[in-house]
Amino acid sequence: MWIYEKKLQYPVKIKNKDLKMAKYIITQFGGPDGELGAAIRYLSQRYTMPTRKSAALLTDIGTEELAHLEMINVMFYQLIKDATPQELERAGLGGQYVQHGHAVYPQDANGIPWTAAYLQSTSDPITDLHEDMAAEQKARATYENLINLTDDVDLIDALNFLRQREVIHYQRFGEALRDAYEYLDSKKIY
């Protein structure tokens, strides 16, 4: 089903350690509007889409979200690499260090672990696609907030790429929503 290329979808080359930004960025891994939740949501919802086209779209975007997850993990790791336990503690990442060391762990910016409760999958394509469009907007807003918190051009570059992909996903889900309405109208369901 997938062909995995052993490279990031977009290069991440952060040169400067920034523990405060690492604490914020981790939310796009395991937070309520992060990439892990998006990938699982879309890859779960694809089965109840009314057309092959909309199912394929959810598969494509869900897979791309996995690539974004990988980028977020690289950002987090590059931002904390070589940090001492004391530096991590001063940055509010002491609990992260105690439980996970320098490993990447799915949590939000407050250290709350990822949960499947962040997801929704109803089997109603109209409801699910509206949920997906809202999720993309929340992720876009989060990326904009992250960009506003840093002046690191390397980090901003990668975050801008991810923000732009959220906008495109939103647009594509809008296309899938129109497709779903057309299909359901043709079946006299709506």
C-alpha atoms as a PDB file:
ATOM      1  CA  MET A   1       0.000   0.000   0.000  1.00  0.00           C
ATOM      2  CA  TRP A   2       2.808   2.422   0.806  1.00  0.00           C
ATOM      3  CA  ILE A   3       6.250   3.025  -0.538  1.00  0.00           C
ATOM      4  CA  TYR A   4       8.433   4.428   2.197  1.00  0.00           C
ATOM      5  CA  GLU A   5      11.242   6.700   1.148  1.00  0.00           C
ATOM      6  CA  LYS A   6      13.856   7.018   3.845  1.00  0.00           C
ATOM      7  CA  LYS A   7      13.786  10.805   3.822  1.00  0.00           C
ATOM      8  CA  LEU A   8      11.535  13.428   5.300  1.00  0.00           C
ATOM      9  CA  GLN A   9       8.757  14.910   3.192  1.00  0.00           C
ATOM     10  CA  TYR A  10      10.426  18.281   3.798  1.00  0.00           C
ATOM     11  CA  PRO A  11      13.921  18.719   5.240  1.00  0.00           C
ATOM     12  CA  VAL A  12      14.257  19.615   8.910  1.00  0.00           C
ATOM     13  CA  LYS A  13      17.671  20.973   9.831  1.00  0.00           C
ATOM     14  CA  ILE A  14      17.410  22.866  13.100  1.00  0.00           C
ATOM     15  CA  LYS A  15      20.826  23.992  14.252  1.00  0.00           C
ATOM     16  CA  ASN A  16      20.007  25.606  17.603  1.00  0.00           C
ATOM     17  CA  LYS A  17      18.871  23.907  20.779  1.00  0.00           C
ATOM     18  CA  ASP A  18      15.617  25.461  22.038  1.00  0.00           C
ATOM     19  CA  LEU A  19      13.999  23.528  24.854  1.00  0.00           C
ATOM     20  CA  LYS A  20      11.097  25.943  25.259  1.00  0.00           C
ATOM     21  CA  MET A  21      10.082  25.448  21.602  1.00  0.00           C
ATOM     22  CA  ALA A  22      10.528  21.690  21.962  1.00  0.00           C
ATOM     23  CA  LYS A  23       8.017  21.761  24.815  1.00  0.00           C
ATOM     24  CA  TYR A  24       5.541  23.584  22.555  1.00  0.00           C
ATOM     25  CA  ILE A  25       6.184  21.615  19.360  1.00  0.00           C
ATOM     26  CA  ILE A  26       5.538  18.244  20.976  1.00  0.00           C
ATOM     27  CA  THR A  27       1.834  19.111  20.974  1.00  0.00           C
ATOM     28  CA  GLN A  28       1.816  18.559  17.209  1.00  0.00           C
ATOM     29  CA  PHE A  29       2.861  14.976  17.904  1.00  0.00           C
ATOM     30  CA  GLY A  30       0.545  13.962  20.726  1.00  0.00           C
ATOM     31  CA  GLY A  31      -1.746  16.910  21.357  1.00  0.00           C
ATOM     32  CA  PRO A  32      -5.462  17.078  20.557  1.00  0.00           C
ATOM     33  CA  ASP A  33      -4.871  18.727  17.170  1.00  0.00           C
ATOM     34  CA  GLY A  34      -1.612  16.974  16.326  1.00  0.00           C
ATOM     35  CA  GLU A  35      -0.424  14.801  13.502  1.00  0.00           C
ATOM     36  CA  LEU A  36      -0.811  11.448  15.283  1.00  0.00           C
ATOM     37  CA  GLY A  37      -4.519  12.016  15.857  1.00  0.00           C
ATOM     38  CA  ALA A  38      -5.006  13.269  12.303  1.00  0.00           C
ATOM     39  CA  ALA A  39      -3.335  10.221  10.763  1.00  0.00           C
ATOM     40  CA  ILE A  40      -5.345   7.743  12.814  1.00  0.00           C
ATOM     41  CA  ARG A  41      -8.596   9.685  12.314  1.00  0.00           C
ATOM     42  CA  TYR A  42      -8.319   9.766   8.528  1.00  0.00           C
ATOM     43  CA  LEU A  43      -7.055   6.216   8.146  1.00  0.00           C
ATOM     44  CA  SER A  44      -9.997   5.030  10.275  1.00  0.00           C
ATOM     45  CA  GLN A  45     -12.672   7.117   8.568  1.00  0.00           C
ATOM     46  CA  ARG A  46     -11.718   6.063   5.052  1.00  0.00           C
ATOM     47  CA  TYR A  47     -13.626   2.799   5.315  1.00  0.00           C
ATOM     48  CA  THR A  48     -17.034   4.439   5.540  1.00  0.00           C
ATOM     49  CA  MET A  49     -16.574   7.027   2.801  1.00  0.00           C
ATOM     50  CA  PRO A  50     -19.275   6.668   0.122  1.00  0.00           C
ATOM     51  CA  THR A  51     -16.969   6.768  -2.910  1.00  0.00           C
ATOM     52  CA  ARG A  52     -13.604   5.291  -3.797  1.00  0.00           C
ATOM     53  CA  LYS A  53     -12.405   8.810  -4.563  1.00  0.00           C
ATOM     54  CA  SER A  54     -13.150  10.101  -1.055  1.00  0.00           C
ATOM     55  CA  ALA A  55     -11.765   6.930   0.555  1.00  0.00           C
ATOM     56  CA  ALA A  56      -8.569   7.327  -1.462  1.00  0.00           C
ATOM     57  CA  LEU A  57      -8.290  10.953  -0.391  1.00  0.00           C
ATOM     58  CA  LEU A  58      -8.495  10.034   3.287  1.00  0.00           C
ATOM     59  CA  THR A  59      -5.880   7.336   2.725  1.00  0.00           C
ATOM     60  CA  ASP A  60      -3.573   9.803   0.980  1.00  0.00           C
ATOM     61  CA  ILE A  61      -3.944  12.523   3.598  1.00  0.00           C
ATOM     62  CA  GLY A  62      -3.747  10.054   6.494  1.00  0.00           C
ATOM     63  CA  THR A  63      -0.497   8.729   5.071  1.00  0.00           C
ATOM     64  CA  GLU A  64       0.850  12.234   4.604  1.00  0.00           C
ATOM     65  CA  GLU A  65       0.010  12.997   8.237  1.00  0.00           C
ATOM     66  CA  LEU A  66       2.336  10.131   9.196  1.00  0.00           C
ATOM     67  CA  ALA A  67       5.085  11.926   7.264  1.00  0.00           C
ATOM     68  CA  HIS A  68       4.259  15.118   9.176  1.00  0.00           C
ATOM     69  CA  LEU A  69       4.433  13.185  12.418  1.00  0.00           C
ATOM     70  CA  GLU A  70       7.930  12.124  11.483  1.00  0.00           C
ATOM     71  CA  MET A  71       8.894  15.754  10.811  1.00  0.00           C
ATOM     72  CA  ILE A  72       7.552  16.885  14.195  1.00  0.00           C
ATOM     73  CA  ASN A  73       9.497  14.109  15.919  1.00  0.00           C
ATOM     74  CA  VAL A  74      12.703  15.188  14.164  1.00  0.00           C
ATOM     75  CA  MET A  75      12.081  18.826  15.155  1.00  0.00           C
ATOM     76  CA  PHE A  76      11.533  17.880  18.783  1.00  0.00           C
ATOM     77  CA  TYR A  77      14.620  15.681  18.868  1.00  0.00           C
ATOM     78  CA  GLN A  78      16.814  18.285  17.188  1.00  0.00           C
ATOM     79  CA  LEU A  79      15.591  20.965  19.607  1.00  0.00           C
ATOM     80  CA  ILE A  80      16.469  18.895  22.732  1.00  0.00           C
ATOM     81  CA  LYS A  81      19.524  17.055  21.421  1.00  0.00           C
ATOM     82  CA  ASP A  82      22.486  17.426  23.766  1.00  0.00           C
ATOM     83  CA  ALA A  83      20.367  19.053  26.501  1.00  0.00           C
ATOM     84  CA  THR A  84      21.409  18.168  30.013  1.00  0.00           C
ATOM     85  CA  PRO A  85      18.876  16.861  32.523  1.00  0.00           C
ATOM     86  CA  GLN A  86      19.166  20.177  34.371  1.00  0.00           C
ATOM     87  CA  GLU A  87      18.426  22.181  31.198  1.00  0.00           C
ATOM     88  CA  LEU A  88      15.411  20.008  30.470  1.00  0.00           C
ATOM     89  CA  GLU A  89      14.144  20.478  34.010  1.00  0.00           C
ATOM     90  CA  ARG A  90      14.540  24.286  33.842  1.00  0.00           C
ATOM     91  CA  ALA A  91      12.565  24.282  30.560  1.00  0.00           C
ATOM     92  CA  GLY A  92       9.654  22.408  32.118  1.00  0.00           C
ATOM     93  CA  LEU A  93      10.657  19.107  30.536  1.00  0.00           C
ATOM     94  CA  GLY A  94      11.836  17.413  33.740  1.00  0.00           C
ATOM     95  CA  GLY A  95       8.906  14.976  33.698  1.00  0.00           C
ATOM     96  CA  GLN A  96       9.646  14.213  30.041  1.00  0.00           C
ATOM     97  CA  TYR A  97      13.254  13.443  30.951  1.00  0.00           C
ATOM     98  CA  VAL A  98      12.386  11.309  33.997  1.00  0.00           C
ATOM     99  CA  GLN A  99       9.992   9.103  32.063  1.00  0.00           C
ATOM    100  CA  HIS A 100      11.407   9.212  28.523  1.00  0.00           C
ATOM    101  CA  GLY A 101      14.922  10.668  28.584  1.00  0.00           C
ATOM    102  CA  HIS A 102      15.604  12.261  25.196  1.00  0.00           C
ATOM    103  CA  ALA A 103      13.034  10.016  23.472  1.00  0.00           C
ATOM    104  CA  VAL A 104      10.075  11.445  21.620  1.00  0.00           C
ATOM    105  CA  TYR A 105       6.772  10.630  23.341  1.00  0.00           C
ATOM    106  CA  PRO A 106       3.226  11.459  22.140  1.00  0.00           C
ATOM    107  CA  GLN A 107       2.005  14.180  24.487  1.00  0.00           C
ATOM    108  CA  ASP A 108       0.773  17.745  24.382  1.00  0.00           C
ATOM    109  CA  ALA A 109       2.678  20.858  25.467  1.00  0.00           C
ATOM    110  CA  ASN A 110       1.541  20.281  29.060  1.00  0.00           C
ATOM    111  CA  GLY A 111       2.851  16.695  29.152  1.00  0.00           C
ATOM    112  CA  ILE A 112      -0.587  15.076  28.861  1.00  0.00           C
ATOM    113  CA  PRO A 113      -0.234  11.816  26.890  1.00  0.00           C
ATOM    114  CA  TRP A 114      -2.015  11.308  23.581  1.00  0.00           C
ATOM    115  CA  THR A 115      -5.385   9.603  23.782  1.00  0.00           C
ATOM    116  CA  ALA A 116      -7.763   8.121  21.250  1.00  0.00           C
ATOM    117  CA  ALA A 117     -10.433  10.313  22.866  1.00  0.00           C
ATOM    118  CA  TYR A 118      -9.099  13.085  20.575  1.00  0.00           C
ATOM    119  CA  LEU A 119     -10.564  11.224  17.578  1.00  0.00           C
ATOM    120  CA  GLN A 120     -13.970  11.007  16.043  1.00  0.00           C
ATOM    121  CA  SER A 121     -15.187   8.504  13.506  1.00  0.00           C
ATOM    122  CA  THR A 122     -18.960   8.280  13.119  1.00  0.00           C
ATOM    123  CA  SER A 123     -19.457   6.402   9.816  1.00  0.00           C
ATOM    124  CA  ASP A 124     -21.463   9.389   8.592  1.00  0.00           C
ATOM    125  CA  PRO A 125     -19.317  10.849   5.794  1.00  0.00           C
ATOM    126  CA  ILE A 126     -20.756  14.358   6.101  1.00  0.00           C
ATOM    127  CA  THR A 127     -20.087  14.493   9.843  1.00  0.00           C
ATOM    128  CA  ASP A 128     -16.629  12.960   9.494  1.00  0.00           C
ATOM    129  CA  LEU A 129     -15.551  15.287   6.683  1.00  0.00           C
ATOM    130  CA  HIS A 130     -16.686  18.348   8.649  1.00  0.00           C
ATOM    131  CA  GLU A 131     -14.694  16.972  11.597  1.00  0.00           C
ATOM    132  CA  ASP A 132     -11.679  16.593   9.296  1.00  0.00           C
ATOM    133  CA  MET A 133     -11.977  20.131   7.949  1.00  0.00           C
ATOM    134  CA  ALA A 134     -12.162  21.482  11.510  1.00  0.00           C
ATOM    135  CA  ALA A 135      -9.135  19.388  12.506  1.00  0.00           C
ATOM    136  CA  GLU A 136      -7.105  20.847   9.651  1.00  0.00           C
ATOM    137  CA  GLN A 137      -8.033  24.391  10.668  1.00  0.00           C
ATOM    138  CA  LYS A 138      -7.074  23.730  14.287  1.00  0.00           C
ATOM    139  CA  ALA A 139      -3.723  22.300  13.170  1.00  0.00           C
ATOM    140  CA  ARG A 140      -3.160  25.320  10.893  1.00  0.00           C
ATOM    141  CA  ALA A 141      -3.861  27.676  13.794  1.00  0.00           C
ATOM    142  CA  THR A 142      -1.491  25.721  16.052  1.00  0.00           C
ATOM    143  CA  TYR A 143       1.302  25.972  13.461  1.00  0.00           C
ATOM    144  CA  GLU A 144       0.705  29.715  13.195  1.00  0.00           C
ATOM    145  CA  ASN A 145       0.930  30.011  16.983  1.00  0.00           C
ATOM    146  CA  LEU A 146       4.166  28.015  17.007  1.00  0.00           C
ATOM    147  CA  ILE A 147       5.622  30.236  14.278  1.00  0.00           C
ATOM    148  CA  ASN A 148       4.741  33.300  16.369  1.00  0.00           C
ATOM    149  CA  LEU A 149       6.743  31.902  19.303  1.00  0.00           C
ATOM    150  CA  THR A 150      10.098  31.582  17.533  1.00  0.00           C
ATOM    151  CA  ASP A 151      12.548  33.571  15.476  1.00  0.00           C
ATOM    152  CA  ASP A 152      14.563  30.498  14.390  1.00  0.00           C
ATOM    153  CA  VAL A 153      14.431  30.624  10.584  1.00  0.00           C
ATOM    154  CA  ASP A 154      15.136  26.892  10.230  1.00  0.00           C
ATOM    155  CA  LEU A 155      12.232  26.053  12.503  1.00  0.00           C
ATOM    156  CA  ILE A 156       9.915  28.616  10.887  1.00  0.00           C
ATOM    157  CA  ASP A 157      10.687  27.167   7.465  1.00  0.00           C
ATOM    158  CA  ALA A 158       9.623  23.649   8.447  1.00  0.00           C
ATOM    159  CA  LEU A 159       6.582  24.903  10.383  1.00  0.00           C
ATOM    160  CA  ASN A 160       5.482  26.997   7.397  1.00  0.00           C
ATOM    161  CA  PHE A 161       5.629  23.917   5.199  1.00  0.00           C
ATOM    162  CA  LEU A 162       3.406  22.010   7.625  1.00  0.00           C
ATOM    163  CA  ARG A 163       1.018  24.964   7.918  1.00  0.00           C
ATOM    164  CA  GLN A 164       0.663  25.125   4.138  1.00  0.00           C
ATOM    165  CA  ARG A 165      -0.120  21.408   3.965  1.00  0.00           C
ATOM    166  CA  GLU A 166      -2.930  21.890   6.512  1.00  0.00           C
ATOM    167  CA  VAL A 167      -4.486  24.510   4.220  1.00  0.00           C
ATOM    168  CA  ILE A 168      -4.276  22.149   1.250  1.00  0.00           C
ATOM    169  CA  HIS A 169      -5.773  19.277   3.258  1.00  0.00           C
ATOM    170  CA  TYR A 170      -8.656  21.523   4.289  1.00  0.00           C
ATOM    171  CA  GLN A 171      -9.320  22.342   0.644  1.00  0.00           C
ATOM    172  CA  ARG A 172      -9.151  18.700  -0.391  1.00  0.00           C
ATOM    173  CA  PHE A 173     -11.578  17.689   2.368  1.00  0.00           C
ATOM    174  CA  GLY A 174     -13.917  20.376   1.030  1.00  0.00           C
ATOM    175  CA  GLU A 175     -13.743  18.643  -2.369  1.00  0.00           C
ATOM    176  CA  ALA A 176     -14.461  15.294  -0.722  1.00  0.00           C
ATOM    177  CA  LEU A 177     -17.432  16.816   1.095  1.00  0.00           C
ATOM    178  CA  ARG A 178     -18.924  18.009  -2.210  1.00  0.00           C
ATOM    179  CA  ASP A 179     -18.281  14.554  -3.664  1.00  0.00           C
ATOM    180  CA  ALA A 180     -20.025  12.904  -0.700  1.00  0.00           C
ATOM    181  CA  TYR A 181     -23.040  15.213  -0.988  1.00  0.00           C
ATOM    182  CA  GLU A 182     -23.331  14.483  -4.716  1.00  0.00           C
ATOM    183  CA  TYR A 183     -23.180  10.748  -4.130  1.00  0.00           C
ATOM    184  CA  LEU A 184     -25.680  10.836  -1.281  1.00  0.00           C
ATOM    185  CA  ASP A 185     -28.018  13.090  -3.287  1.00  0.00           C
ATOM    186  CA  SER A 186     -27.888  10.655  -6.206  1.00  0.00           C
ATOM    187  CA  LYS A 187     -28.986   7.885  -3.830  1.00  0.00           C
ATOM    188  CA  LYS A 188     -31.760  10.128  -2.450  1.00  0.00           C
ATOM    189  CA  ILE A 189     -30.205   9.949   1.008  1.00  0.00           C
ATOM    190  CA  TYR A 190     -30.040  13.743   1.484  1.00  0.00           C
END
